[in-house]
Amino acid sequence: MIIVIDGPAGSGKSTTAKKLAESLGINFLDSGALYRAVTLAWLNSGKPDTDKFINNLTDLSIDAGEVDGKFTVWLNGKNVSEEIRTSRVADSVSEIASIPEVRNFVNKIMHKVVEKDNYIADGRDLGTAVFKDADLKFFMDATMEERARRRHNELLEKGTDITYDEVYQNLLKRDHTDSNRKADPLRKADDAIKIDTTGKTFDEQVSLMASIIKDRLKI
């Protein structure tokens, strides 16, 4: 079984998916973390041109799984779960994730991960491109101001020195890139349930979605 949650950056889909996985007793798959790992590999290799990077994609070893209840990602054997959350990676992830060959590479990783168990996953094109036959699809969204505030607070808690305006501009850039890329642009799947989290507390949005999942899938 696979449940997917799509939506723009800062809409709350990752934290919500994690909490739902915990409360429902299923596994969590963070698709964005996989794209961030590929982006980190690109940055660490000196930002090579696209063709060169694509040619070397198969040399990358990216593994993922839950460790002590936390989604963990290894890049070439190294745990990079914290490093991929830095603004350095965030500033470039949409650019790298827009490359069709990168998307195909990550999609194969995700399908391999979910082969043998029940998962809830969050991303941007899971319901429209990766898991078109998902058991249940959600599309989370919120106003830009709400999303920027949440992401700014999240980064400050992690010790990142960044202003609200910088976060706001970064989200604007990512939205534009994600929505206008040629390969699987960000959009709501026709059969996805839209969840607007503007003004909702975290507990409220989790409770709402958990209720829908239990009703639809009889979990």
N, C-alpha and C. Protein backbone atom coordinates (compact mmCIF):
# COMPACT_ATOMS: atom_id res chain seq x y z
N MET A 1 0.84 -1.20 0.00
CA MET A 1 0.00 0.00 0.00
C MET A 1 0.87 1.25 0.00
N ILE A 2 0.47 2.25 -0.78
CA ILE A 2 1.19 3.50 -0.79
C ILE A 2 0.20 4.67 -0.75
N ILE A 3 0.42 5.56 0.20
CA ILE A 3 -0.34 6.81 0.32
C ILE A 3 0.61 7.94 -0.03
N VAL A 4 0.20 8.87 -0.88
CA VAL A 4 1.11 9.95 -1.28
C VAL A 4 0.55 11.31 -0.90
N ILE A 5 1.46 12.20 -0.54
CA ILE A 5 1.11 13.59 -0.22
C ILE A 5 1.99 14.50 -1.06
N ASP A 6 1.39 15.20 -2.00
CA ASP A 6 2.12 16.17 -2.81
C ASP A 6 1.82 17.58 -2.33
N GLY A 7 2.64 18.53 -2.81
CA GLY A 7 2.41 19.92 -2.46
C GLY A 7 3.69 20.72 -2.58
N PRO A 8 3.59 22.04 -2.56
CA PRO A 8 4.77 22.89 -2.67
C PRO A 8 5.62 22.88 -1.40
N ALA A 9 6.83 23.40 -1.51
CA ALA A 9 7.73 23.48 -0.36
C ALA A 9 7.11 24.32 0.76
N GLY A 10 7.23 23.84 1.99
CA GLY A 10 6.73 24.59 3.13
C GLY A 10 5.26 24.41 3.42
N SER A 11 4.60 23.52 2.70
CA SER A 11 3.16 23.32 2.92
C SER A 11 2.89 22.42 4.13
N GLY A 12 3.93 21.81 4.66
CA GLY A 12 3.77 20.96 5.84
C GLY A 12 3.65 19.49 5.55
N LYS A 13 3.88 19.11 4.30
CA LYS A 13 3.64 17.71 3.91
C LYS A 13 4.62 16.73 4.56
N SER A 14 5.87 17.13 4.72
CA SER A 14 6.86 16.20 5.27
C SER A 14 6.59 15.89 6.74
N THR A 15 6.41 16.94 7.55
CA THR A 15 6.16 16.72 8.97
C THR A 15 4.84 16.01 9.18
N THR A 16 3.86 16.32 8.35
CA THR A 16 2.55 15.66 8.45
C THR A 16 2.66 14.20 8.08
N ALA A 17 3.37 13.90 7.00
CA ALA A 17 3.54 12.51 6.57
C ALA A 17 4.25 11.69 7.64
N LYS A 18 5.26 12.29 8.26
CA LYS A 18 6.00 11.59 9.33
C LYS A 18 5.08 11.25 10.49
N LYS A 19 4.28 12.23 10.90
CA LYS A 19 3.38 12.01 12.04
C LYS A 19 2.29 11.00 11.70
N LEU A 20 1.77 11.07 10.49
CA LEU A 20 0.75 10.10 10.08
C LEU A 20 1.33 8.69 10.05
N ALA A 21 2.55 8.56 9.55
CA ALA A 21 3.19 7.25 9.52
C ALA A 21 3.34 6.68 10.92
N GLU A 22 3.74 7.56 11.84
CA GLU A 22 3.92 7.13 13.23
C GLU A 22 2.59 6.72 13.87
N SER A 23 1.56 7.55 13.67
CA SER A 23 0.28 7.28 14.32
C SER A 23 -0.46 6.10 13.70
N LEU A 24 -0.23 5.85 12.40
CA LEU A 24 -0.92 4.76 11.72
C LEU A 24 -0.11 3.47 11.69
N GLY A 25 1.14 3.54 12.14
CA GLY A 25 1.98 2.35 12.18
C GLY A 25 2.46 1.87 10.84
N ILE A 26 2.73 2.84 9.91
CA ILE A 26 3.27 2.48 8.61
C ILE A 26 4.60 3.22 8.40
N ASN A 27 5.29 2.88 7.32
CA ASN A 27 6.60 3.47 7.06
C ASN A 27 6.49 4.81 6.35
N PHE A 28 7.50 5.64 6.54
CA PHE A 28 7.55 6.96 5.92
C PHE A 28 8.64 7.01 4.86
N LEU A 29 8.29 7.55 3.68
CA LEU A 29 9.26 7.73 2.60
C LEU A 29 9.32 9.21 2.24
N ASP A 30 10.49 9.82 2.41
CA ASP A 30 10.70 11.23 2.12
C ASP A 30 11.36 11.37 0.76
N SER A 31 10.55 11.57 -0.28
CA SER A 31 11.10 11.64 -1.64
C SER A 31 12.01 12.85 -1.81
N GLY A 32 11.66 13.95 -1.14
CA GLY A 32 12.48 15.15 -1.26
C GLY A 32 13.89 14.93 -0.77
N ALA A 33 14.05 14.08 0.25
CA ALA A 33 15.38 13.80 0.78
C ALA A 33 16.25 13.11 -0.26
N LEU A 34 15.63 12.30 -1.10
CA LEU A 34 16.39 11.60 -2.14
C LEU A 34 16.88 12.59 -3.20
N TYR A 35 16.02 13.54 -3.57
CA TYR A 35 16.45 14.58 -4.52
C TYR A 35 17.53 15.46 -3.90
N ARG A 36 17.40 15.72 -2.62
CA ARG A 36 18.41 16.52 -1.93
C ARG A 36 19.76 15.78 -1.91
N ALA A 37 19.71 14.47 -1.79
CA ALA A 37 20.95 13.69 -1.79
C ALA A 37 21.64 13.77 -3.15
N VAL A 38 20.86 13.71 -4.21
CA VAL A 38 21.42 13.84 -5.56
C VAL A 38 22.00 15.25 -5.73
N THR A 39 21.29 16.24 -5.22
CA THR A 39 21.76 17.62 -5.31
C THR A 39 23.07 17.81 -4.55
N LEU A 40 23.16 17.19 -3.38
CA LEU A 40 24.39 17.26 -2.59
C LEU A 40 25.55 16.64 -3.36
N ALA A 41 25.27 15.54 -4.03
CA ALA A 41 26.31 14.89 -4.84
C ALA A 41 26.79 15.82 -5.95
N TRP A 42 25.85 16.53 -6.56
CA TRP A 42 26.20 17.50 -7.62
C TRP A 42 27.06 18.63 -7.07
N LEU A 43 26.68 19.16 -5.91
CA LEU A 43 27.44 20.25 -5.29
C LEU A 43 28.84 19.79 -4.90
N ASN A 44 28.90 18.60 -4.30
CA ASN A 44 30.20 18.09 -3.83
C ASN A 44 31.15 17.74 -4.98
N SER A 45 30.57 17.52 -6.16
CA SER A 45 31.42 17.18 -7.31
C SER A 45 31.81 18.41 -8.11
N GLY A 46 31.50 19.61 -7.54
CA GLY A 46 31.94 20.84 -8.17
C GLY A 46 30.97 21.43 -9.17
N LYS A 47 29.69 21.09 -9.08
CA LYS A 47 28.65 21.59 -9.97
C LYS A 47 28.98 21.35 -11.45
N PRO A 48 29.19 20.12 -11.84
CA PRO A 48 29.52 19.82 -13.24
C PRO A 48 28.35 20.16 -14.16
N ASP A 49 28.63 20.28 -15.45
CA ASP A 49 27.54 20.56 -16.39
C ASP A 49 26.59 19.37 -16.41
N THR A 50 25.37 19.63 -16.87
CA THR A 50 24.30 18.64 -16.79
C THR A 50 24.65 17.32 -17.46
N ASP A 51 25.18 17.38 -18.67
CA ASP A 51 25.49 16.14 -19.40
C ASP A 51 26.50 15.28 -18.65
N LYS A 52 27.52 15.92 -18.11
CA LYS A 52 28.54 15.17 -17.38
C LYS A 52 27.96 14.54 -16.12
N PHE A 53 27.11 15.31 -15.43
CA PHE A 53 26.51 14.80 -14.20
C PHE A 53 25.58 13.61 -14.50
N ILE A 54 24.78 13.74 -15.54
CA ILE A 54 23.86 12.66 -15.93
C ILE A 54 24.63 11.39 -16.26
N ASN A 55 25.74 11.53 -16.96
CA ASN A 55 26.54 10.37 -17.35
C ASN A 55 27.11 9.63 -16.14
N ASN A 56 27.28 10.37 -15.04
CA ASN A 56 27.86 9.76 -13.84
C ASN A 56 26.81 9.37 -12.79
N LEU A 57 25.52 9.54 -13.11
CA LEU A 57 24.47 9.25 -12.13
C LEU A 57 24.52 7.81 -11.63
N THR A 58 24.77 6.88 -12.53
CA THR A 58 24.76 5.47 -12.14
C THR A 58 25.90 5.12 -11.18
N ASP A 59 26.86 6.03 -11.05
CA ASP A 59 27.96 5.79 -10.11
C ASP A 59 27.57 6.15 -8.68
N LEU A 60 26.44 6.86 -8.54
CA LEU A 60 25.99 7.26 -7.20
C LEU A 60 25.31 6.09 -6.49
N SER A 61 25.61 5.96 -5.22
CA SER A 61 24.94 4.96 -4.39
C SER A 61 24.10 5.71 -3.36
N ILE A 62 22.78 5.62 -3.50
CA ILE A 62 21.86 6.27 -2.56
C ILE A 62 20.95 5.23 -1.95
N ASP A 63 21.02 5.12 -0.64
CA ASP A 63 20.18 4.19 0.09
C ASP A 63 19.33 4.97 1.09
N ALA A 64 18.18 4.43 1.45
CA ALA A 64 17.29 5.12 2.39
C ALA A 64 16.50 4.11 3.21
N GLY A 65 16.13 4.54 4.40
CA GLY A 65 15.33 3.69 5.26
C GLY A 65 15.14 4.35 6.61
N GLU A 66 14.30 3.77 7.44
CA GLU A 66 14.05 4.33 8.77
C GLU A 66 15.04 3.78 9.78
N VAL A 67 15.61 4.68 10.57
CA VAL A 67 16.51 4.31 11.66
C VAL A 67 16.02 5.01 12.91
N ASP A 68 15.61 4.23 13.90
CA ASP A 68 15.06 4.79 15.14
C ASP A 68 13.91 5.76 14.85
N GLY A 69 13.06 5.39 13.90
CA GLY A 69 11.89 6.20 13.58
C GLY A 69 12.17 7.42 12.73
N LYS A 70 13.38 7.57 12.23
CA LYS A 70 13.74 8.75 11.42
C LYS A 70 14.18 8.31 10.03
N PHE A 71 13.64 8.97 9.02
CA PHE A 71 14.01 8.66 7.65
C PHE A 71 15.47 9.07 7.44
N THR A 72 16.27 8.10 7.04
CA THR A 72 17.71 8.30 6.94
C THR A 72 18.18 8.04 5.52
N VAL A 73 19.10 8.89 5.05
CA VAL A 73 19.62 8.76 3.68
C VAL A 73 21.14 8.65 3.71
N TRP A 74 21.65 7.70 2.93
CA TRP A 74 23.09 7.51 2.81
C TRP A 74 23.51 7.80 1.37
N LEU A 75 24.53 8.62 1.22
CA LEU A 75 25.09 8.92 -0.09
C LEU A 75 26.49 8.33 -0.16
N ASN A 76 26.64 7.34 -1.03
CA ASN A 76 27.92 6.63 -1.14
C ASN A 76 28.42 6.14 0.22
N GLY A 77 27.49 5.60 1.00
CA GLY A 77 27.82 5.01 2.28
C GLY A 77 27.85 5.95 3.46
N LYS A 78 27.70 7.26 3.24
CA LYS A 78 27.76 8.25 4.32
C LYS A 78 26.37 8.74 4.66
N ASN A 79 26.06 8.80 5.95
CA ASN A 79 24.78 9.33 6.41
C ASN A 79 24.77 10.85 6.17
N VAL A 80 23.89 11.30 5.26
CA VAL A 80 23.84 12.73 4.92
C VAL A 80 22.49 13.35 5.29
N SER A 81 21.78 12.72 6.21
CA SER A 81 20.43 13.14 6.56
C SER A 81 20.35 14.58 7.06
N GLU A 82 21.37 15.05 7.76
CA GLU A 82 21.40 16.42 8.24
C GLU A 82 21.94 17.37 7.18
N GLU A 83 22.97 16.94 6.49
CA GLU A 83 23.62 17.81 5.50
C GLU A 83 22.69 18.19 4.36
N ILE A 84 21.78 17.31 3.99
CA ILE A 84 20.89 17.61 2.87
C ILE A 84 19.82 18.63 3.24
N ARG A 85 19.71 18.99 4.53
CA ARG A 85 18.69 19.95 4.98
C ARG A 85 19.22 21.38 5.01
N THR A 86 20.45 21.61 4.63
CA THR A 86 21.04 22.94 4.69
C THR A 86 20.50 23.81 3.56
N SER A 87 20.60 25.15 3.75
CA SER A 87 20.14 26.08 2.71
C SER A 87 20.98 25.94 1.45
N ARG A 88 22.22 25.52 1.59
CA ARG A 88 23.10 25.30 0.43
C ARG A 88 22.47 24.30 -0.53
N VAL A 89 21.93 23.24 0.01
CA VAL A 89 21.27 22.23 -0.82
C VAL A 89 19.90 22.72 -1.28
N ALA A 90 19.16 23.36 -0.37
CA ALA A 90 17.81 23.84 -0.70
C ALA A 90 17.81 24.81 -1.87
N ASP A 91 18.86 25.61 -1.97
CA ASP A 91 18.92 26.62 -3.04
C ASP A 91 19.06 26.00 -4.43
N SER A 92 19.50 24.75 -4.50
CA SER A 92 19.77 24.13 -5.80
C SER A 92 18.92 22.91 -6.11
N VAL A 93 18.16 22.44 -5.13
CA VAL A 93 17.48 21.16 -5.31
C VAL A 93 16.45 21.19 -6.44
N SER A 94 15.72 22.30 -6.60
CA SER A 94 14.72 22.36 -7.67
C SER A 94 15.37 22.30 -9.05
N GLU A 95 16.54 22.92 -9.16
CA GLU A 95 17.27 22.91 -10.43
C GLU A 95 17.67 21.49 -10.82
N ILE A 96 18.21 20.75 -9.86
CA ILE A 96 18.66 19.39 -10.12
C ILE A 96 17.46 18.45 -10.29
N ALA A 97 16.43 18.66 -9.48
CA ALA A 97 15.25 17.79 -9.54
C ALA A 97 14.46 17.96 -10.83
N SER A 98 14.70 19.05 -11.55
CA SER A 98 13.98 19.28 -12.80
C SER A 98 14.56 18.52 -13.98
N ILE A 99 15.73 17.90 -13.78
CA ILE A 99 16.39 17.15 -14.85
C ILE A 99 15.68 15.80 -15.02
N PRO A 100 15.14 15.49 -16.18
CA PRO A 100 14.38 14.24 -16.37
C PRO A 100 15.15 12.99 -15.95
N GLU A 101 16.43 12.94 -16.27
CA GLU A 101 17.23 11.75 -15.92
C GLU A 101 17.37 11.59 -14.42
N VAL A 102 17.45 12.71 -13.71
CA VAL A 102 17.52 12.65 -12.25
C VAL A 102 16.21 12.14 -11.69
N ARG A 103 15.10 12.60 -12.24
CA ARG A 103 13.78 12.16 -11.77
C ARG A 103 13.60 10.66 -12.00
N ASN A 104 14.02 10.18 -13.14
CA ASN A 104 13.93 8.75 -13.41
C ASN A 104 14.79 7.96 -12.44
N PHE A 105 15.97 8.48 -12.14
CA PHE A 105 16.90 7.84 -11.21
C PHE A 105 16.28 7.72 -9.82
N VAL A 106 15.71 8.82 -9.34
CA VAL A 106 15.10 8.83 -8.00
C VAL A 106 13.83 8.00 -7.97
N ASN A 107 13.04 8.04 -9.04
CA ASN A 107 11.81 7.25 -9.09
C ASN A 107 12.09 5.75 -8.93
N LYS A 108 13.17 5.29 -9.53
CA LYS A 108 13.55 3.88 -9.41
C LYS A 108 13.91 3.54 -7.97
N ILE A 109 14.59 4.47 -7.30
CA ILE A 109 14.94 4.25 -5.89
C ILE A 109 13.67 4.13 -5.06
N MET A 110 12.71 5.03 -5.30
CA MET A 110 11.47 5.03 -4.52
C MET A 110 10.66 3.75 -4.73
N HIS A 111 10.55 3.32 -5.97
CA HIS A 111 9.80 2.08 -6.24
C HIS A 111 10.45 0.88 -5.57
N LYS A 112 11.76 0.88 -5.52
CA LYS A 112 12.47 -0.21 -4.87
C LYS A 112 12.22 -0.21 -3.37
N VAL A 113 12.19 1.00 -2.78
CA VAL A 113 11.98 1.13 -1.33
C VAL A 113 10.61 0.61 -0.91
N VAL A 114 9.57 0.90 -1.71
CA VAL A 114 8.20 0.59 -1.29
C VAL A 114 7.70 -0.78 -1.73
N GLU A 115 8.59 -1.57 -2.33
CA GLU A 115 8.17 -2.86 -2.88
C GLU A 115 7.56 -3.81 -1.86
N LYS A 116 8.09 -3.82 -0.64
CA LYS A 116 7.75 -4.90 0.28
C LYS A 116 6.96 -4.49 1.52
N ASP A 117 6.48 -3.23 1.59
CA ASP A 117 5.79 -2.82 2.81
C ASP A 117 4.82 -1.69 2.53
N ASN A 118 4.12 -1.24 3.58
CA ASN A 118 3.18 -0.13 3.46
C ASN A 118 3.88 1.19 3.76
N TYR A 119 3.65 2.18 2.92
CA TYR A 119 4.34 3.46 3.05
C TYR A 119 3.41 4.65 2.85
N ILE A 120 3.79 5.75 3.48
CA ILE A 120 3.22 7.05 3.16
C ILE A 120 4.39 7.91 2.72
N ALA A 121 4.24 8.59 1.60
CA ALA A 121 5.35 9.36 1.03
C ALA A 121 4.91 10.77 0.69
N ASP A 122 5.85 11.70 0.76
CA ASP A 122 5.54 13.07 0.37
C ASP A 122 6.48 13.52 -0.73
N GLY A 123 5.96 14.42 -1.59
CA GLY A 123 6.78 14.91 -2.68
C GLY A 123 6.06 15.98 -3.46
N ARG A 124 6.35 16.05 -4.75
CA ARG A 124 5.74 17.05 -5.60
C ARG A 124 5.02 16.47 -6.82
N ASP A 125 5.39 15.26 -7.21
CA ASP A 125 4.75 14.65 -8.38
C ASP A 125 4.45 13.17 -8.14
N LEU A 126 4.32 12.80 -6.89
CA LEU A 126 4.12 11.38 -6.58
C LEU A 126 2.78 10.88 -7.13
N GLY A 127 1.73 11.66 -6.94
CA GLY A 127 0.41 11.24 -7.39
C GLY A 127 0.18 11.38 -8.88
N THR A 128 0.98 12.23 -9.53
CA THR A 128 0.79 12.47 -10.96
C THR A 128 1.76 11.71 -11.84
N ALA A 129 2.90 11.30 -11.29
CA ALA A 129 3.92 10.66 -12.13
C ALA A 129 4.52 9.39 -11.55
N VAL A 130 4.85 9.41 -10.26
CA VAL A 130 5.60 8.29 -9.68
C VAL A 130 4.67 7.14 -9.28
N PHE A 131 3.67 7.45 -8.49
CA PHE A 131 2.73 6.43 -8.02
C PHE A 131 1.32 6.81 -8.48
N LYS A 132 1.09 6.68 -9.77
CA LYS A 132 -0.20 7.08 -10.34
C LYS A 132 -1.35 6.24 -9.79
N ASP A 133 -1.05 5.01 -9.37
CA ASP A 133 -2.08 4.12 -8.85
C ASP A 133 -2.05 4.04 -7.33
N ALA A 134 -1.58 5.10 -6.68
CA ALA A 134 -1.51 5.13 -5.22
C ALA A 134 -2.89 4.85 -4.62
N ASP A 135 -2.89 4.22 -3.45
CA ASP A 135 -4.15 3.88 -2.80
C ASP A 135 -4.93 5.12 -2.37
N LEU A 136 -4.20 6.18 -2.04
CA LEU A 136 -4.84 7.43 -1.63
C LEU A 136 -3.87 8.57 -1.90
N LYS A 137 -4.42 9.68 -2.41
CA LYS A 137 -3.58 10.83 -2.75
C LYS A 137 -4.08 12.09 -2.05
N PHE A 138 -3.14 12.88 -1.54
CA PHE A 138 -3.44 14.18 -0.96
C PHE A 138 -2.61 15.24 -1.67
N PHE A 139 -3.13 16.48 -1.67
CA PHE A 139 -2.34 17.63 -2.13
C PHE A 139 -2.47 18.70 -1.07
N MET A 140 -1.35 18.97 -0.36
CA MET A 140 -1.34 19.96 0.71
C MET A 140 -0.86 21.30 0.18
N ASP A 141 -1.46 22.38 0.70
CA ASP A 141 -1.05 23.72 0.29
C ASP A 141 -1.33 24.70 1.43
N ALA A 142 -0.78 25.90 1.30
CA ALA A 142 -0.99 26.98 2.25
C ALA A 142 -0.56 28.26 1.56
N THR A 143 -0.90 29.40 2.14
CA THR A 143 -0.47 30.66 1.54
C THR A 143 1.06 30.74 1.59
N MET A 144 1.62 31.57 0.70
CA MET A 144 3.07 31.73 0.67
C MET A 144 3.60 32.26 2.00
N GLU A 145 2.86 33.19 2.61
CA GLU A 145 3.29 33.76 3.88
C GLU A 145 3.36 32.69 4.97
N GLU A 146 2.36 31.83 4.99
CA GLU A 146 2.33 30.76 5.99
C GLU A 146 3.47 29.77 5.77
N ARG A 147 3.70 29.43 4.53
CA ARG A 147 4.76 28.48 4.20
C ARG A 147 6.14 29.05 4.54
N ALA A 148 6.36 30.33 4.22
CA ALA A 148 7.64 30.95 4.50
C ALA A 148 7.88 31.06 6.01
N ARG A 149 6.84 31.37 6.75
CA ARG A 149 6.97 31.48 8.21
C ARG A 149 7.36 30.13 8.81
N ARG A 150 6.69 29.08 8.36
CA ARG A 150 6.98 27.74 8.89
C ARG A 150 8.41 27.32 8.56
N ARG A 151 8.82 27.53 7.30
CA ARG A 151 10.15 27.11 6.89
C ARG A 151 11.23 27.93 7.61
N HIS A 152 10.96 29.22 7.79
CA HIS A 152 11.91 30.09 8.49
C HIS A 152 12.10 29.63 9.93
N ASN A 153 11.01 29.34 10.61
CA ASN A 153 11.09 28.87 12.00
C ASN A 153 11.84 27.54 12.09
N GLU A 154 11.57 26.67 11.12
CA GLU A 154 12.23 25.37 11.08
C GLU A 154 13.75 25.52 10.95
N LEU A 155 14.17 26.43 10.05
CA LEU A 155 15.61 26.64 9.83
C LEU A 155 16.27 27.31 11.03
N LEU A 156 15.55 28.25 11.66
CA LEU A 156 16.10 28.92 12.85
C LEU A 156 16.31 27.93 13.98
N GLU A 157 15.36 27.00 14.14
CA GLU A 157 15.48 25.98 15.20
C GLU A 157 16.69 25.09 14.97
N LYS A 158 17.10 24.96 13.72
CA LYS A 158 18.26 24.14 13.39
C LYS A 158 19.56 24.94 13.43
N GLY A 159 19.43 26.23 13.76
CA GLY A 159 20.62 27.06 13.87
C GLY A 159 21.06 27.71 12.59
N THR A 160 20.23 27.68 11.55
CA THR A 160 20.58 28.29 10.27
C THR A 160 20.37 29.80 10.32
N ASP A 161 21.38 30.57 9.95
CA ASP A 161 21.30 32.02 9.95
C ASP A 161 20.71 32.50 8.63
N ILE A 162 19.42 32.75 8.63
CA ILE A 162 18.72 33.14 7.40
C ILE A 162 17.52 34.00 7.76
N THR A 163 17.21 34.97 6.91
CA THR A 163 16.10 35.87 7.18
C THR A 163 14.80 35.33 6.58
N TYR A 164 13.69 35.88 7.08
CA TYR A 164 12.38 35.49 6.55
C TYR A 164 12.29 35.82 5.07
N ASP A 165 12.79 37.01 4.69
CA ASP A 165 12.72 37.42 3.28
C ASP A 165 13.52 36.48 2.38
N GLU A 166 14.65 35.99 2.87
CA GLU A 166 15.45 35.05 2.09
C GLU A 166 14.69 33.75 1.88
N VAL A 167 14.03 33.29 2.92
CA VAL A 167 13.23 32.07 2.82
C VAL A 167 12.06 32.28 1.85
N TYR A 168 11.41 33.41 1.96
CA TYR A 168 10.27 33.74 1.09
C TYR A 168 10.69 33.72 -0.37
N GLN A 169 11.81 34.37 -0.68
CA GLN A 169 12.29 34.43 -2.05
C GLN A 169 12.71 33.05 -2.55
N ASN A 170 13.29 32.25 -1.66
CA ASN A 170 13.69 30.89 -2.03
C ASN A 170 12.48 30.05 -2.40
N LEU A 171 11.39 30.20 -1.63
CA LEU A 171 10.16 29.46 -1.92
C LEU A 171 9.53 29.92 -3.23
N LEU A 172 9.56 31.22 -3.50
CA LEU A 172 9.05 31.73 -4.76
C LEU A 172 9.80 31.12 -5.94
N LYS A 173 11.12 31.07 -5.80
CA LYS A 173 11.97 30.51 -6.86
C LYS A 173 11.68 29.03 -7.06
N ARG A 174 11.54 28.31 -5.95
CA ARG A 174 11.30 26.87 -6.03
C ARG A 174 9.92 26.59 -6.63
N ASP A 175 8.91 27.36 -6.26
CA ASP A 175 7.58 27.19 -6.82
C ASP A 175 7.60 27.37 -8.33
N HIS A 176 8.29 28.41 -8.77
CA HIS A 176 8.35 28.69 -10.21
C HIS A 176 9.03 27.55 -10.95
N THR A 177 10.16 27.09 -10.40
CA THR A 177 10.90 25.99 -11.03
C THR A 177 10.09 24.71 -11.04
N ASP A 178 9.49 24.38 -9.90
CA ASP A 178 8.74 23.13 -9.78
C ASP A 178 7.50 23.11 -10.68
N SER A 179 6.85 24.25 -10.81
CA SER A 179 5.60 24.32 -11.56
C SER A 179 5.81 24.45 -13.07
N ASN A 180 7.02 24.85 -13.47
CA ASN A 180 7.27 25.09 -14.89
C ASN A 180 8.28 24.14 -15.53
N ARG A 181 8.76 23.16 -14.76
CA ARG A 181 9.69 22.22 -15.36
C ARG A 181 8.97 21.35 -16.38
N LYS A 182 9.70 20.91 -17.37
CA LYS A 182 9.12 20.09 -18.44
C LYS A 182 8.81 18.68 -17.94
N ALA A 183 9.66 18.17 -17.05
CA ALA A 183 9.48 16.81 -16.57
C ALA A 183 8.63 16.80 -15.30
N ASP A 184 7.40 16.32 -15.42
CA ASP A 184 6.51 16.13 -14.28
C ASP A 184 6.41 17.35 -13.37
N PRO A 185 5.84 18.44 -13.87
CA PRO A 185 5.72 19.66 -13.06
C PRO A 185 4.79 19.46 -11.86
N LEU A 186 4.97 20.33 -10.87
CA LEU A 186 4.13 20.28 -9.68
C LEU A 186 2.69 20.65 -10.04
N ARG A 187 1.77 19.76 -9.74
CA ARG A 187 0.35 20.03 -9.93
C ARG A 187 -0.45 19.03 -9.12
N LYS A 188 -1.67 19.37 -8.85
CA LYS A 188 -2.55 18.48 -8.09
C LYS A 188 -3.09 17.39 -9.01
N ALA A 189 -2.99 16.15 -8.57
CA ALA A 189 -3.58 15.04 -9.32
C ALA A 189 -5.10 15.19 -9.29
N ASP A 190 -5.75 14.80 -10.37
CA ASP A 190 -7.20 14.95 -10.47
C ASP A 190 -7.93 14.22 -9.35
N ASP A 191 -7.37 13.10 -8.91
CA ASP A 191 -8.04 12.31 -7.88
C ASP A 191 -7.46 12.53 -6.49
N ALA A 192 -6.67 13.60 -6.31
CA ALA A 192 -6.09 13.90 -5.00
C ALA A 192 -7.05 14.74 -4.16
N ILE A 193 -7.01 14.55 -2.87
CA ILE A 193 -7.82 15.34 -1.93
C ILE A 193 -6.99 16.55 -1.49
N LYS A 194 -7.50 17.75 -1.74
CA LYS A 194 -6.75 18.95 -1.38
C LYS A 194 -6.94 19.29 0.09
N ILE A 195 -5.82 19.57 0.77
CA ILE A 195 -5.83 19.96 2.16
C ILE A 195 -5.15 21.31 2.28
N ASP A 196 -5.92 22.38 2.57
CA ASP A 196 -5.35 23.71 2.76
C ASP A 196 -5.04 23.86 4.24
N THR A 197 -3.76 23.99 4.57
CA THR A 197 -3.35 24.03 5.98
C THR A 197 -3.22 25.44 6.53
N THR A 198 -3.56 26.44 5.74
CA THR A 198 -3.48 27.82 6.22
C THR A 198 -4.37 28.00 7.45
N GLY A 199 -3.77 28.46 8.53
CA GLY A 199 -4.53 28.70 9.75
C GLY A 199 -4.80 27.46 10.58
N LYS A 200 -4.43 26.31 10.10
CA LYS A 200 -4.63 25.07 10.86
C LYS A 200 -3.41 24.79 11.72
N THR A 201 -3.64 24.25 12.89
CA THR A 201 -2.53 23.80 13.72
C THR A 201 -2.04 22.47 13.16
N PHE A 202 -0.85 22.09 13.56
CA PHE A 202 -0.30 20.83 13.09
C PHE A 202 -1.20 19.67 13.49
N ASP A 203 -1.66 19.66 14.72
CA ASP A 203 -2.53 18.58 15.20
C ASP A 203 -3.84 18.52 14.42
N GLU A 204 -4.36 19.67 14.04
CA GLU A 204 -5.62 19.71 13.29
C GLU A 204 -5.46 19.09 11.90
N GLN A 205 -4.38 19.42 11.22
CA GLN A 205 -4.21 18.87 9.87
C GLN A 205 -3.91 17.38 9.91
N VAL A 206 -3.16 16.94 10.91
CA VAL A 206 -2.87 15.52 11.04
C VAL A 206 -4.15 14.75 11.36
N SER A 207 -4.94 15.28 12.27
CA SER A 207 -6.19 14.62 12.66
C SER A 207 -7.14 14.51 11.47
N LEU A 208 -7.25 15.57 10.68
CA LEU A 208 -8.13 15.57 9.51
C LEU A 208 -7.70 14.50 8.51
N MET A 209 -6.42 14.44 8.21
CA MET A 209 -5.94 13.50 7.20
C MET A 209 -5.97 12.07 7.71
N ALA A 210 -5.69 11.88 8.99
CA ALA A 210 -5.76 10.54 9.57
C ALA A 210 -7.19 10.00 9.50
N SER A 211 -8.15 10.88 9.74
CA SER A 211 -9.56 10.48 9.68
C SER A 211 -9.94 10.05 8.26
N ILE A 212 -9.45 10.79 7.27
CA ILE A 212 -9.75 10.45 5.87
C ILE A 212 -9.12 9.11 5.50
N ILE A 213 -7.87 8.91 5.93
CA ILE A 213 -7.17 7.66 5.62
C ILE A 213 -7.89 6.46 6.24
N LYS A 214 -8.27 6.60 7.50
CA LYS A 214 -8.95 5.50 8.19
C LYS A 214 -10.29 5.19 7.54
N ASP A 215 -10.96 6.23 7.10
CA ASP A 215 -12.30 6.05 6.47
C ASP A 215 -12.16 5.42 5.09
N ARG A 216 -11.22 5.91 4.29
CA ARG A 216 -11.07 5.44 2.91
C ARG A 216 -10.41 4.07 2.81
N LEU A 217 -9.39 3.86 3.64
CA LEU A 217 -8.60 2.62 3.53
C LEU A 217 -8.86 1.62 4.64
N LYS A 218 -9.74 2.00 5.57
CA LYS A 218 -10.13 1.09 6.66
C LYS A 218 -8.93 0.64 7.50
N ILE A 219 -8.00 1.56 7.69
CA ILE A 219 -6.83 1.23 8.54
C ILE A 219 -7.25 1.33 10.00
